[in-house]
Amino acid sequence: MISATWLGQGGYLFAINGKKLCVDPYLSDSVSKSDGFSRLIPIPIEPRDLQADLLLCTHHHQDHLDPETVLALDREKIGGFYGPDSCVERFSRIGIENSIPFNRGSSCYLGGAE
C-alpha cells in the first residue's frame, strides 16, 4: 500500500507499506522572509511533528532543503537524511552529520519498494 500527502511546494510524505519517505519538506516561511515569495498553502505540519524513516532533499534550494525546517525537526523521529552531494554539504553546515549521499543512479529500499 502506497499513499502520498502533499506538504506544499515540492514536498511530499509517502507512506509505503508502513514506512515513511519525506521528500523536500519545506515547513517554514523562510523563503518569504528572504526573497518575498509566500507559501502556496499554509504549513500543514509542524516540523517537530514530522516522522519519517527517510528524509530526501532533491537539491539544495531553500524551498527543498530548508535549514529552518531541518533545524526544527525532532531528529529522533527521522531515520536518515539523504540527498545529492550539495545537500550533504548543506546538511553538514547546519549540523546534520552522517547524512547519506543520494546522487544520480542511487537507489534504496523502503517498505519493500526500491
PDB file of N, CA and C in Angstrom:
ATOM      1  N   MET A   1       0.846  -1.182   0.000  1.00  0.00           N
ATOM      2  CA  MET A   1       0.000   0.000   0.000  1.00  0.00           C
ATOM      3  C   MET A   1       0.890   1.244   0.000  1.00  0.00           C
ATOM      4  N   ILE A   2       0.616   2.154  -0.909  1.00  0.00           N
ATOM      5  CA  ILE A   2       1.361   3.401  -1.010  1.00  0.00           C
ATOM      6  C   ILE A   2       0.366   4.557  -0.993  1.00  0.00           C
ATOM      7  N   SER A   3       0.678   5.569  -0.198  1.00  0.00           N
ATOM      8  CA  SER A   3      -0.129   6.787  -0.206  1.00  0.00           C
ATOM      9  C   SER A   3       0.815   7.981  -0.230  1.00  0.00           C
ATOM     10  N   ALA A   4       0.303   9.108  -0.695  1.00  0.00           N
ATOM     11  CA  ALA A   4       1.103  10.331  -0.779  1.00  0.00           C
ATOM     12  C   ALA A   4       0.308  11.488  -0.187  1.00  0.00           C
ATOM     13  N   THR A   5       1.008  12.308   0.596  1.00  0.00           N
ATOM     14  CA  THR A   5       0.425  13.516   1.171  1.00  0.00           C
ATOM     15  C   THR A   5       1.270  14.693   0.717  1.00  0.00           C
ATOM     16  N   TRP A   6       0.630  15.667   0.087  1.00  0.00           N
ATOM     17  CA  TRP A   6       1.329  16.866  -0.354  1.00  0.00           C
ATOM     18  C   TRP A   6       1.582  17.761   0.847  1.00  0.00           C
ATOM     19  N   LEU A   7       2.820  18.187   1.017  1.00  0.00           N
ATOM     20  CA  LEU A   7       3.204  19.078   2.115  1.00  0.00           C
ATOM     21  C   LEU A   7       3.291  20.536   1.679  1.00  0.00           C
ATOM     22  N   GLY A   8       2.969  20.800   0.432  1.00  0.00           N
ATOM     23  CA  GLY A   8       3.101  22.144  -0.101  1.00  0.00           C
ATOM     24  C   GLY A   8       4.409  22.283  -0.848  1.00  0.00           C
ATOM     25  N   GLN A   9       4.465  23.273  -1.741  1.00  0.00           N
ATOM     26  CA  GLN A   9       5.632  23.492  -2.589  1.00  0.00           C
ATOM     27  C   GLN A   9       5.973  22.169  -3.277  1.00  0.00           C
ATOM     28  N   GLY A  10       7.224  21.696  -3.185  1.00  0.00           N
ATOM     29  CA  GLY A  10       7.611  20.429  -3.809  1.00  0.00           C
ATOM     30  C   GLY A  10       7.656  19.282  -2.826  1.00  0.00           C
ATOM     31  N   GLY A  11       7.092  19.441  -1.636  1.00  0.00           N
ATOM     32  CA  GLY A  11       7.221  18.451  -0.578  1.00  0.00           C
ATOM     33  C   GLY A  11       6.110  17.427  -0.545  1.00  0.00           C
ATOM     34  N   TYR A  12       6.502  16.177  -0.285  1.00  0.00           N
ATOM     35  CA  TYR A  12       5.551  15.076  -0.160  1.00  0.00           C
ATOM     36  C   TYR A  12       5.971  14.165   0.978  1.00  0.00           C
ATOM     37  N   LEU A  13       4.985  13.532   1.600  1.00  0.00           N
ATOM     38  CA  LEU A  13       5.214  12.477   2.568  1.00  0.00           C
ATOM     39  C   LEU A  13       4.552  11.229   2.007  1.00  0.00           C
ATOM     40  N   PHE A  14       5.371  10.232   1.695  1.00  0.00           N
ATOM     41  CA  PHE A  14       4.884   8.978   1.138  1.00  0.00           C
ATOM     42  C   PHE A  14       4.856   7.930   2.242  1.00  0.00           C
ATOM     43  N   ALA A  15       3.772   7.180   2.325  1.00  0.00           N
ATOM     44  CA  ALA A  15       3.688   6.016   3.197  1.00  0.00           C
ATOM     45  C   ALA A  15       3.764   4.796   2.289  1.00  0.00           C
ATOM     46  N   ILE A  16       4.742   3.930   2.561  1.00  0.00           N
ATOM     47  CA  ILE A  16       4.991   2.767   1.711  1.00  0.00           C
ATOM     48  C   ILE A  16       5.028   1.535   2.618  1.00  0.00           C
ATOM     49  N   ASN A  17       3.933   0.807   2.644  1.00  0.00           N
ATOM     50  CA  ASN A  17       3.858  -0.415   3.456  1.00  0.00           C
ATOM     51  C   ASN A  17       4.338  -0.198   4.889  1.00  0.00           C
ATOM     52  N   GLY A  18       3.840   0.854   5.507  1.00  0.00           N
ATOM     53  CA  GLY A  18       4.162   1.132   6.903  1.00  0.00           C
ATOM     54  C   GLY A  18       5.420   1.959   7.134  1.00  0.00           C
ATOM     55  N   LYS A  19       6.182   2.241   6.097  1.00  0.00           N
ATOM     56  CA  LYS A  19       7.379   3.084   6.202  1.00  0.00           C
ATOM     57  C   LYS A  19       7.061   4.454   5.620  1.00  0.00           C
ATOM     58  N   LYS A  20       7.790   5.476   6.057  1.00  0.00           N
ATOM     59  CA  LYS A  20       7.529   6.837   5.581  1.00  0.00           C
ATOM     60  C   LYS A  20       8.761   7.443   4.921  1.00  0.00           C
ATOM     61  N   LEU A  21       8.542   7.993   3.749  1.00  0.00           N
ATOM     62  CA  LEU A  21       9.556   8.714   2.979  1.00  0.00           C
ATOM     63  C   LEU A  21       9.090  10.153   2.846  1.00  0.00           C
ATOM     64  N   CYS A  22       9.911  11.088   3.317  1.00  0.00           N
ATOM     65  CA  CYS A  22       9.598  12.505   3.180  1.00  0.00           C
ATOM     66  C   CYS A  22      10.541  13.107   2.149  1.00  0.00           C
ATOM     67  N   VAL A  23       9.983  13.790   1.157  1.00  0.00           N
ATOM     68  CA  VAL A  23      10.768  14.404   0.093  1.00  0.00           C
ATOM     69  C   VAL A  23      10.564  15.918   0.138  1.00  0.00           C
ATOM     70  N   ASP A  24      11.669  16.643   0.208  1.00  0.00           N
ATOM     71  CA  ASP A  24      11.687  18.112   0.130  1.00  0.00           C
ATOM     72  C   ASP A  24      10.706  18.806   1.085  1.00  0.00           C
ATOM     73  N   PRO A  25      10.837  18.540   2.385  1.00  0.00           N
ATOM     74  CA  PRO A  25       9.921  19.198   3.318  1.00  0.00           C
ATOM     75  C   PRO A  25      10.265  20.670   3.523  1.00  0.00           C
ATOM     76  N   TYR A  26       9.435  21.524   3.017  1.00  0.00           N
ATOM     77  CA  TYR A  26       9.570  22.965   3.251  1.00  0.00           C
ATOM     78  C   TYR A  26       8.435  23.342   4.193  1.00  0.00           C
ATOM     79  N   LEU A  27       8.714  23.368   5.487  1.00  0.00           N
ATOM     80  CA  LEU A  27       7.687  23.550   6.506  1.00  0.00           C
ATOM     81  C   LEU A  27       7.928  24.813   7.322  1.00  0.00           C
ATOM     82  N   SER A  28       8.323  25.865   6.628  1.00  0.00           N
ATOM     83  CA  SER A  28       8.502  27.174   7.255  1.00  0.00           C
ATOM     84  C   SER A  28       8.037  28.213   6.240  1.00  0.00           C
ATOM     85  N   ASP A  29       8.326  29.437   6.522  1.00  0.00           N
ATOM     86  CA  ASP A  29       8.047  30.510   5.566  1.00  0.00           C
ATOM     87  C   ASP A  29       9.334  31.292   5.328  1.00  0.00           C
ATOM     88  N   SER A  30      10.463  30.592   5.368  1.00  0.00           N
ATOM     89  CA  SER A  30      11.770  31.244   5.270  1.00  0.00           C
ATOM     90  C   SER A  30      12.013  31.903   3.914  1.00  0.00           C
ATOM     91  N   VAL A  31      11.461  31.354   2.845  1.00  0.00           N
ATOM     92  CA  VAL A  31      11.654  31.968   1.532  1.00  0.00           C
ATOM     93  C   VAL A  31      10.955  33.328   1.483  1.00  0.00           C
ATOM     94  N   SER A  32       9.808  33.430   2.119  1.00  0.00           N
ATOM     95  CA  SER A  32       9.113  34.717   2.184  1.00  0.00           C
ATOM     96  C   SER A  32       9.967  35.747   2.926  1.00  0.00           C
ATOM     97  N   LYS A  33      10.610  35.306   3.996  1.00  0.00           N
ATOM     98  CA  LYS A  33      11.451  36.212   4.786  1.00  0.00           C
ATOM     99  C   LYS A  33      12.675  36.668   3.997  1.00  0.00           C
ATOM    100  N   SER A  34      13.248  35.758   3.199  1.00  0.00           N
ATOM    101  CA  SER A  34      14.484  36.108   2.495  1.00  0.00           C
ATOM    102  C   SER A  34      14.247  36.695   1.103  1.00  0.00           C
ATOM    103  N   ASP A  35      13.222  36.200   0.387  1.00  0.00           N
ATOM    104  CA  ASP A  35      13.020  36.610  -1.005  1.00  0.00           C
ATOM    105  C   ASP A  35      11.650  37.204  -1.301  1.00  0.00           C
ATOM    106  N   GLY A  36      10.752  37.198  -0.329  1.00  0.00           N
ATOM    107  CA  GLY A  36       9.439  37.794  -0.524  1.00  0.00           C
ATOM    108  C   GLY A  36       8.427  36.899  -1.214  1.00  0.00           C
ATOM    109  N   PHE A  37       8.739  35.621  -1.440  1.00  0.00           N
ATOM    110  CA  PHE A  37       7.803  34.701  -2.086  1.00  0.00           C
ATOM    111  C   PHE A  37       7.071  33.900  -1.022  1.00  0.00           C
ATOM    112  N   SER A  38       5.757  34.099  -0.926  1.00  0.00           N
ATOM    113  CA  SER A  38       4.960  33.434   0.100  1.00  0.00           C
ATOM    114  C   SER A  38       4.671  31.987  -0.276  1.00  0.00           C
ATOM    115  N   ARG A  39       4.391  31.178   0.743  1.00  0.00           N
ATOM    116  CA  ARG A  39       3.990  29.786   0.544  1.00  0.00           C
ATOM    117  C   ARG A  39       2.708  29.729  -0.282  1.00  0.00           C
ATOM    118  N   LEU A  40       2.509  28.628  -0.970  1.00  0.00           N
ATOM    119  CA  LEU A  40       1.287  28.425  -1.743  1.00  0.00           C
ATOM    120  C   LEU A  40       0.121  28.019  -0.846  1.00  0.00           C
ATOM    121  N   ILE A  41       0.430  27.272   0.227  1.00  0.00           N
ATOM    122  CA  ILE A  41      -0.590  26.837   1.178  1.00  0.00           C
ATOM    123  C   ILE A  41      -0.031  27.028   2.587  1.00  0.00           C
ATOM    124  N   PRO A  42      -0.896  27.046   3.597  1.00  0.00           N
ATOM    125  CA  PRO A  42      -0.392  27.124   4.977  1.00  0.00           C
ATOM    126  C   PRO A  42       0.468  25.902   5.301  1.00  0.00           C
ATOM    127  N   ILE A  43       1.345  26.044   6.260  1.00  0.00           N
ATOM    128  CA  ILE A  43       2.205  24.941   6.694  1.00  0.00           C
ATOM    129  C   ILE A  43       1.305  23.823   7.238  1.00  0.00           C
ATOM    130  N   PRO A  44       1.354  22.608   6.632  1.00  0.00           N
ATOM    131  CA  PRO A  44       0.418  21.544   7.000  1.00  0.00           C
ATOM    132  C   PRO A  44       0.791  20.759   8.255  1.00  0.00           C
ATOM    133  N   ILE A  45       2.063  20.808   8.677  1.00  0.00           N
ATOM    134  CA  ILE A  45       2.513  20.064   9.849  1.00  0.00           C
ATOM    135  C   ILE A  45       3.720  20.796  10.435  1.00  0.00           C
ATOM    136  N   GLU A  46       3.783  20.835  11.735  1.00  0.00           N
ATOM    137  CA  GLU A  46       4.940  21.452  12.380  1.00  0.00           C
ATOM    138  C   GLU A  46       6.148  20.534  12.177  1.00  0.00           C
ATOM    139  N   PRO A  47       7.312  21.095  11.875  1.00  0.00           N
ATOM    140  CA  PRO A  47       8.486  20.250  11.657  1.00  0.00           C
ATOM    141  C   PRO A  47       8.763  19.277  12.802  1.00  0.00           C
ATOM    142  N   ARG A  48       8.583  19.703  14.039  1.00  0.00           N
ATOM    143  CA  ARG A  48       8.868  18.825  15.185  1.00  0.00           C
ATOM    144  C   ARG A  48       7.947  17.605  15.224  1.00  0.00           C
ATOM    145  N   ASP A  49       6.811  17.666  14.509  1.00  0.00           N
ATOM    146  CA  ASP A  49       5.856  16.556  14.485  1.00  0.00           C
ATOM    147  C   ASP A  49       6.084  15.600  13.308  1.00  0.00           C
ATOM    148  N   LEU A  50       6.944  15.968  12.391  1.00  0.00           N
ATOM    149  CA  LEU A  50       7.197  15.135  11.219  1.00  0.00           C
ATOM    150  C   LEU A  50       7.960  13.877  11.616  1.00  0.00           C
ATOM    151  N   GLN A  51       7.480  12.736  11.140  1.00  0.00           N
ATOM    152  CA  GLN A  51       8.152  11.455  11.350  1.00  0.00           C
ATOM    153  C   GLN A  51       8.416  10.848   9.984  1.00  0.00           C
ATOM    154  N   ALA A  52       9.643  10.363   9.781  1.00  0.00           N
ATOM    155  CA  ALA A  52       9.992   9.732   8.505  1.00  0.00           C
ATOM    156  C   ALA A  52      11.149   8.770   8.705  1.00  0.00           C
ATOM    157  N   ASP A  53      11.051   7.632   8.041  1.00  0.00           N
ATOM    158  CA  ASP A  53      12.162   6.678   8.063  1.00  0.00           C
ATOM    159  C   ASP A  53      13.308   7.189   7.208  1.00  0.00           C
ATOM    160  N   LEU A  54      12.974   7.963   6.206  1.00  0.00           N
ATOM    161  CA  LEU A  54      13.980   8.511   5.293  1.00  0.00           C
ATOM    162  C   LEU A  54      13.525   9.900   4.863  1.00  0.00           C
ATOM    163  N   LEU A  55      14.394  10.878   4.980  1.00  0.00           N
ATOM    164  CA  LEU A  55      14.115  12.230   4.510  1.00  0.00           C
ATOM    165  C   LEU A  55      15.071  12.514   3.358  1.00  0.00           C
ATOM    166  N   LEU A  56      14.504  12.805   2.211  1.00  0.00           N
ATOM    167  CA  LEU A  56      15.286  13.035   0.998  1.00  0.00           C
ATOM    168  C   LEU A  56      15.079  14.463   0.517  1.00  0.00           C
ATOM    169  N   CYS A  57      16.175  15.187   0.348  1.00  0.00           N
ATOM    170  CA  CYS A  57      16.130  16.510  -0.283  1.00  0.00           C
ATOM    171  C   CYS A  57      16.715  16.349  -1.678  1.00  0.00           C
ATOM    172  N   THR A  58      15.971  16.775  -2.687  1.00  0.00           N
ATOM    173  CA  THR A  58      16.377  16.546  -4.080  1.00  0.00           C
ATOM    174  C   THR A  58      17.471  17.499  -4.530  1.00  0.00           C
ATOM    175  N   HIS A  59      17.504  18.695  -3.950  1.00  0.00           N
ATOM    176  CA  HIS A  59      18.565  19.652  -4.245  1.00  0.00           C
ATOM    177  C   HIS A  59      18.597  20.699  -3.143  1.00  0.00           C
ATOM    178  N   HIS A  60      19.602  21.560  -3.171  1.00  0.00           N
ATOM    179  CA  HIS A  60      19.870  22.421  -2.025  1.00  0.00           C
ATOM    180  C   HIS A  60      19.129  23.757  -2.013  1.00  0.00           C
ATOM    181  N   HIS A  61      18.220  24.019  -2.943  1.00  0.00           N
ATOM    182  CA  HIS A  61      17.471  25.282  -2.887  1.00  0.00           C
ATOM    183  C   HIS A  61      16.663  25.339  -1.590  1.00  0.00           C
ATOM    184  N   GLN A  62      16.482  26.524  -1.088  1.00  0.00           N
ATOM    185  CA  GLN A  62      15.885  26.738   0.228  1.00  0.00           C
ATOM    186  C   GLN A  62      14.485  26.140   0.370  1.00  0.00           C
ATOM    187  N   ASP A  63      13.710  26.084  -0.711  1.00  0.00           N
ATOM    188  CA  ASP A  63      12.373  25.512  -0.607  1.00  0.00           C
ATOM    189  C   ASP A  63      12.371  23.988  -0.783  1.00  0.00           C
ATOM    190  N   HIS A  64      13.548  23.385  -0.831  1.00  0.00           N
ATOM    191  CA  HIS A  64      13.687  21.928  -0.907  1.00  0.00           C
ATOM    192  C   HIS A  64      14.524  21.404   0.255  1.00  0.00           C
ATOM    193  N   LEU A  65      15.579  22.110   0.591  1.00  0.00           N
ATOM    194  CA  LEU A  65      16.362  21.831   1.798  1.00  0.00           C
ATOM    195  C   LEU A  65      16.371  23.128   2.590  1.00  0.00           C
ATOM    196  N   ASP A  66      15.363  23.263   3.420  1.00  0.00           N
ATOM    197  CA  ASP A  66      15.155  24.487   4.191  1.00  0.00           C
ATOM    198  C   ASP A  66      15.819  24.353   5.564  1.00  0.00           C
ATOM    199  N   PRO A  67      16.905  25.099   5.818  1.00  0.00           N
ATOM    200  CA  PRO A  67      17.558  24.993   7.120  1.00  0.00           C
ATOM    201  C   PRO A  67      16.612  25.233   8.295  1.00  0.00           C
ATOM    202  N   GLU A  68      15.683  26.159   8.143  1.00  0.00           N
ATOM    203  CA  GLU A  68      14.747  26.446   9.241  1.00  0.00           C
ATOM    204  C   GLU A  68      13.906  25.212   9.568  1.00  0.00           C
ATOM    205  N   THR A  69      13.439  24.522   8.537  1.00  0.00           N
ATOM    206  CA  THR A  69      12.672  23.286   8.751  1.00  0.00           C
ATOM    207  C   THR A  69      13.552  22.201   9.351  1.00  0.00           C
ATOM    208  N   VAL A  70      14.706  21.956   8.737  1.00  0.00           N
ATOM    209  CA  VAL A  70      15.580  20.862   9.179  1.00  0.00           C
ATOM    210  C   VAL A  70      16.005  21.056  10.630  1.00  0.00           C
ATOM    211  N   LEU A  71      16.344  22.262  11.011  1.00  0.00           N
ATOM    212  CA  LEU A  71      16.786  22.515  12.377  1.00  0.00           C
ATOM    213  C   LEU A  71      15.657  22.374  13.398  1.00  0.00           C
ATOM    214  N   ALA A  72      14.401  22.498  12.953  1.00  0.00           N
ATOM    215  CA  ALA A  72      13.256  22.366  13.856  1.00  0.00           C
ATOM    216  C   ALA A  72      12.761  20.925  13.978  1.00  0.00           C
ATOM    217  N   LEU A  73      13.284  20.014  13.147  1.00  0.00           N
ATOM    218  CA  LEU A  73      12.861  18.617  13.207  1.00  0.00           C
ATOM    219  C   LEU A  73      13.304  17.970  14.506  1.00  0.00           C
ATOM    220  N   ASP A  74      12.514  17.035  14.982  1.00  0.00           N
ATOM    221  CA  ASP A  74      12.937  16.171  16.082  1.00  0.00           C
ATOM    222  C   ASP A  74      13.738  15.050  15.434  1.00  0.00           C
ATOM    223  N   ARG A  75      15.061  15.129  15.509  1.00  0.00           N
ATOM    224  CA  ARG A  75      15.926  14.195  14.780  1.00  0.00           C
ATOM    225  C   ARG A  75      15.727  12.749  15.197  1.00  0.00           C
ATOM    226  N   GLU A  76      15.168  12.526  16.375  1.00  0.00           N
ATOM    227  CA  GLU A  76      14.881  11.147  16.792  1.00  0.00           C
ATOM    228  C   GLU A  76      13.723  10.556  16.003  1.00  0.00           C
ATOM    229  N   LYS A  77      12.948  11.395  15.323  1.00  0.00           N
ATOM    230  CA  LYS A  77      11.822  10.923  14.522  1.00  0.00           C
ATOM    231  C   LYS A  77      12.186  10.764  13.052  1.00  0.00           C
ATOM    232  N   ILE A  78      13.451  11.032  12.695  1.00  0.00           N
ATOM    233  CA  ILE A  78      13.914  10.939  11.308  1.00  0.00           C
ATOM    234  C   ILE A  78      14.967   9.832  11.234  1.00  0.00           C
ATOM    235  N   GLY A  79      14.730   8.826  10.380  1.00  0.00           N
ATOM    236  CA  GLY A  79      15.629   7.694  10.285  1.00  0.00           C
ATOM    237  C   GLY A  79      16.939   7.987   9.582  1.00  0.00           C
ATOM    238  N   GLY A  80      16.933   8.892   8.622  1.00  0.00           N
ATOM    239  CA  GLY A  80      18.144   9.232   7.896  1.00  0.00           C
ATOM    240  C   GLY A  80      17.906  10.398   6.962  1.00  0.00           C
ATOM    241  N   PHE A  81      18.951  11.159   6.725  1.00  0.00           N
ATOM    242  CA  PHE A  81      18.909  12.327   5.843  1.00  0.00           C
ATOM    243  C   PHE A  81      19.679  11.986   4.570  1.00  0.00           C
ATOM    244  N   TYR A  82      19.036  12.081   3.431  1.00  0.00           N
ATOM    245  CA  TYR A  82      19.611  11.718   2.139  1.00  0.00           C
ATOM    246  C   TYR A  82      19.547  12.909   1.196  1.00  0.00           C
ATOM    247  N   GLY A  83      20.473  12.967   0.260  1.00  0.00           N
ATOM    248  CA  GLY A  83      20.446  13.998  -0.765  1.00  0.00           C
ATOM    249  C   GLY A  83      21.704  13.946  -1.603  1.00  0.00           C
ATOM    250  N   PRO A  84      21.709  14.665  -2.724  1.00  0.00           N
ATOM    251  CA  PRO A  84      22.918  14.732  -3.539  1.00  0.00           C
ATOM    252  C   PRO A  84      24.040  15.430  -2.763  1.00  0.00           C
ATOM    253  N   ASP A  85      25.227  15.383  -3.315  1.00  0.00           N
ATOM    254  CA  ASP A  85      26.401  15.924  -2.621  1.00  0.00           C
ATOM    255  C   ASP A  85      26.184  17.356  -2.133  1.00  0.00           C
ATOM    256  N   SER A  86      25.500  18.189  -2.923  1.00  0.00           N
ATOM    257  CA  SER A  86      25.261  19.573  -2.498  1.00  0.00           C
ATOM    258  C   SER A  86      24.408  19.620  -1.234  1.00  0.00           C
ATOM    259  N   CYS A  87      23.477  18.694  -1.097  1.00  0.00           N
ATOM    260  CA  CYS A  87      22.649  18.631   0.112  1.00  0.00           C
ATOM    261  C   CYS A  87      23.436  18.078   1.290  1.00  0.00           C
ATOM    262  N   VAL A  88      24.262  17.068   1.041  1.00  0.00           N
ATOM    263  CA  VAL A  88      25.104  16.514   2.106  1.00  0.00           C
ATOM    264  C   VAL A  88      25.983  17.617   2.684  1.00  0.00           C
ATOM    265  N   GLU A  89      26.539  18.441   1.815  1.00  0.00           N
ATOM    266  CA  GLU A  89      27.363  19.569   2.269  1.00  0.00           C
ATOM    267  C   GLU A  89      26.538  20.550   3.096  1.00  0.00           C
ATOM    268  N   ARG A  90      25.340  20.884   2.620  1.00  0.00           N
ATOM    269  CA  ARG A  90      24.477  21.827   3.356  1.00  0.00           C
ATOM    270  C   ARG A  90      24.018  21.222   4.678  1.00  0.00           C
ATOM    271  N   PHE A  91      23.650  19.936   4.679  1.00  0.00           N
ATOM    272  CA  PHE A  91      23.293  19.276   5.939  1.00  0.00           C
ATOM    273  C   PHE A  91      24.427  19.433   6.950  1.00  0.00           C
ATOM    274  N   SER A  92      25.644  19.169   6.504  1.00  0.00           N
ATOM    275  CA  SER A  92      26.807  19.251   7.388  1.00  0.00           C
ATOM    276  C   SER A  92      26.975  20.665   7.941  1.00  0.00           C
ATOM    277  N   ARG A  93      26.791  21.668   7.086  1.00  0.00           N
ATOM    278  CA  ARG A  93      26.952  23.062   7.524  1.00  0.00           C
ATOM    279  C   ARG A  93      25.961  23.458   8.599  1.00  0.00           C
ATOM    280  N   ILE A  94      24.777  22.811   8.612  1.00  0.00           N
ATOM    281  CA  ILE A  94      23.777  23.178   9.626  1.00  0.00           C
ATOM    282  C   ILE A  94      23.736  22.178  10.784  1.00  0.00           C
ATOM    283  N   GLY A  95      24.727  21.271  10.825  1.00  0.00           N
ATOM    284  CA  GLY A  95      24.858  20.394  11.978  1.00  0.00           C
ATOM    285  C   GLY A  95      24.268  19.006  11.840  1.00  0.00           C
ATOM    286  N   ILE A  96      23.835  18.620  10.641  1.00  0.00           N
ATOM    287  CA  ILE A  96      23.339  17.262  10.420  1.00  0.00           C
ATOM    288  C   ILE A  96      24.512  16.430   9.911  1.00  0.00           C
ATOM    289  N   GLU A  97      25.073  15.638  10.797  1.00  0.00           N
ATOM    290  CA  GLU A  97      26.200  14.786  10.426  1.00  0.00           C
ATOM    291  C   GLU A  97      25.669  13.440   9.959  1.00  0.00           C
ATOM    292  N   ASN A  98      26.483  12.709   9.254  1.00  0.00           N
ATOM    293  CA  ASN A  98      26.155  11.359   8.803  1.00  0.00           C
ATOM    294  C   ASN A  98      24.994  11.311   7.815  1.00  0.00           C
ATOM    295  N   SER A  99      24.762  12.393   7.068  1.00  0.00           N
ATOM    296  CA  SER A  99      23.761  12.305   6.001  1.00  0.00           C
ATOM    297  C   SER A  99      24.327  11.409   4.906  1.00  0.00           C
ATOM    298  N   ILE A 100      23.460  10.903   4.083  1.00  0.00           N
ATOM    299  CA  ILE A 100      23.833   9.875   3.113  1.00  0.00           C
ATOM    300  C   ILE A 100      23.736  10.427   1.705  1.00  0.00           C
ATOM    301  N   PRO A 101      24.823  10.363   0.929  1.00  0.00           N
ATOM    302  CA  PRO A 101      24.769  10.836  -0.453  1.00  0.00           C
ATOM    303  C   PRO A 101      23.766  10.015  -1.274  1.00  0.00           C
ATOM    304  N   PHE A 102      22.962  10.719  -2.032  1.00  0.00           N
ATOM    305  CA  PHE A 102      21.961  10.089  -2.888  1.00  0.00           C
ATOM    306  C   PHE A 102      21.989  10.844  -4.212  1.00  0.00           C
ATOM    307  N   ASN A 103      22.877  10.400  -5.099  1.00  0.00           N
ATOM    308  CA  ASN A 103      23.118  11.082  -6.358  1.00  0.00           C
ATOM    309  C   ASN A 103      22.463  10.342  -7.520  1.00  0.00           C
ATOM    310  N   ARG A 104      22.597  10.884  -8.710  1.00  0.00           N
ATOM    311  CA  ARG A 104      22.041  10.265  -9.902  1.00  0.00           C
ATOM    312  C   ARG A 104      22.470   8.795  -9.952  1.00  0.00           C
ATOM    313  N   GLY A 105      21.512   7.918 -10.153  1.00  0.00           N
ATOM    314  CA  GLY A 105      21.784   6.486 -10.209  1.00  0.00           C
ATOM    315  C   GLY A 105      21.684   5.785  -8.872  1.00  0.00           C
ATOM    316  N   SER A 106      21.544   6.536  -7.778  1.00  0.00           N
ATOM    317  CA  SER A 106      21.413   5.924  -6.452  1.00  0.00           C
ATOM    318  C   SER A 106      20.033   5.303  -6.295  1.00  0.00           C
ATOM    319  N   SER A 107      19.942   4.311  -5.447  1.00  0.00           N
ATOM    320  CA  SER A 107      18.642   3.747  -5.097  1.00  0.00           C
ATOM    321  C   SER A 107      18.701   3.254  -3.658  1.00  0.00           C
ATOM    322  N   CYS A 108      17.550   3.058  -3.082  1.00  0.00           N
ATOM    323  CA  CYS A 108      17.453   2.495  -1.734  1.00  0.00           C
ATOM    324  C   CYS A 108      16.149   1.722  -1.649  1.00  0.00           C
ATOM    325  N   TYR A 109      16.010   0.942  -0.594  1.00  0.00           N
ATOM    326  CA  TYR A 109      14.810   0.154  -0.351  1.00  0.00           C
ATOM    327  C   TYR A 109      14.116   0.678   0.882  1.00  0.00           C
ATOM    328  N   LEU A 110      12.800   0.798   0.779  1.00  0.00           N
ATOM    329  CA  LEU A 110      11.992   1.266   1.908  1.00  0.00           C
ATOM    330  C   LEU A 110      10.604   0.643   1.780  1.00  0.00           C
ATOM    331  N   GLY A 111      10.188  -0.071   2.768  1.00  0.00           N
ATOM    332  CA  GLY A 111       8.858  -0.658   2.768  1.00  0.00           C
ATOM    333  C   GLY A 111       8.630  -1.639   1.623  1.00  0.00           C
ATOM    334  N   GLY A 112       9.685  -2.315   1.197  1.00  0.00           N
ATOM    335  CA  GLY A 112       9.564  -3.277   0.112  1.00  0.00           C
ATOM    336  C   GLY A 112       9.605  -2.668  -1.270  1.00  0.00           C
ATOM    337  N   ALA A 113       9.837  -1.366  -1.352  1.00  0.00           N
ATOM    338  CA  ALA A 113       9.928  -0.669  -2.652  1.00  0.00           C
ATOM    339  C   ALA A 113      11.346  -0.174  -2.859  1.00  0.00           C
ATOM    340  N   GLU A 114      11.739  -0.042  -4.107  1.00  0.00           N
ATOM    341  CA  GLU A 114      13.070   0.498  -4.442  1.00  0.00           C
ATOM    342  C   GLU A 114      12.897   1.886  -5.028  1.00  0.00           C
TER     343      GLU A 114
END
